[in-house]
Amino acid sequence: MRLAVARLRQEHEDYDAAINAMIQTGCEALRIQRMKKKKLALKDMISKLEDQIIPDIIA
């Protein structure tokens, strides 16, 4: 599972770099918005996997 999280984090960083490049080149706002949505979905998946690896401890 930790390997999956690492891969998703790398993909998240790749999306971030791609979005920044798209912004600098003046790409369509709709395409940028779609990329941001995919990036957010990746972040949610990362959070879910991390929660499975390290469960919440109720004190």
Protein backbone atom coordinates (compact mmCIF):
# COMPACT_ATOMS: atom_id res chain seq x y z
CA MET A 1 0.00 0.00 0.00
CA ARG A 2 2.84 2.38 0.75
CA LEU A 3 4.12 1.86 -2.77
CA ALA A 4 0.70 2.79 -4.17
CA VAL A 5 0.70 5.97 -2.07
CA ALA A 6 4.17 6.86 -3.32
CA ARG A 7 3.07 6.38 -6.93
CA LEU A 8 -0.02 8.50 -6.42
CA ARG A 9 2.05 11.24 -4.80
CA GLN A 10 4.39 11.26 -7.79
CA GLU A 11 1.42 11.44 -10.15
CA HIS A 12 0.00 14.30 -8.06
CA GLU A 13 3.29 16.20 -8.42
CA ASP A 14 3.28 15.53 -12.16
CA TYR A 15 -0.21 16.99 -12.45
CA ASP A 16 0.96 20.04 -10.50
CA ALA A 17 3.86 20.59 -12.88
CA ALA A 18 1.60 20.09 -15.91
CA ILE A 19 -0.95 22.57 -14.57
CA ASN A 20 1.74 25.18 -13.95
CA ALA A 21 3.06 24.69 -17.48
CA MET A 22 -0.44 25.02 -18.91
CA ILE A 23 -1.00 28.25 -16.99
CA GLN A 24 2.29 29.71 -18.22
CA THR A 25 1.54 28.87 -21.85
CA GLY A 26 -1.95 30.35 -21.67
CA CYS A 27 -3.89 27.13 -22.16
CA GLU A 28 -7.69 27.05 -22.07
CA ALA A 29 -9.18 27.61 -18.63
CA LEU A 30 -11.47 24.60 -19.05
CA ARG A 31 -8.53 22.23 -19.65
CA ILE A 32 -6.73 23.63 -16.62
CA GLN A 33 -9.88 23.20 -14.52
CA ARG A 34 -10.16 19.54 -15.60
CA MET A 35 -6.55 18.90 -14.67
CA LYS A 36 -7.09 20.49 -11.26
CA LYS A 37 -10.11 18.26 -10.73
CA LYS A 38 -8.05 15.15 -11.52
CA LYS A 39 -5.32 16.37 -9.19
CA LEU A 40 -7.86 16.82 -6.39
CA ALA A 41 -9.24 13.32 -6.98
CA LEU A 42 -5.70 11.95 -6.64
CA LYS A 43 -5.26 13.81 -3.37
CA ASP A 44 -8.47 12.26 -2.07
CA MET A 45 -7.27 8.78 -3.04
CA ILE A 46 -3.94 9.41 -1.30
CA SER A 47 -5.75 10.48 1.86
CA LYS A 48 -7.95 7.37 1.85
CA LEU A 49 -4.97 5.06 1.42
CA GLU A 50 -3.02 6.83 4.14
CA ASP A 51 -6.00 6.47 6.48
CA GLN A 52 -5.99 2.73 5.83
CA ILE A 53 -2.27 2.50 6.56
CA ILE A 54 -2.44 4.61 9.73
CA PRO A 55 -5.87 4.24 11.34
CA ASP A 56 -7.23 6.93 13.67
CA ILE A 57 -6.65 6.25 17.35
CA ILE A 58 -9.40 7.42 19.64
CA ALA A 59 -7.89 8.58 22.91
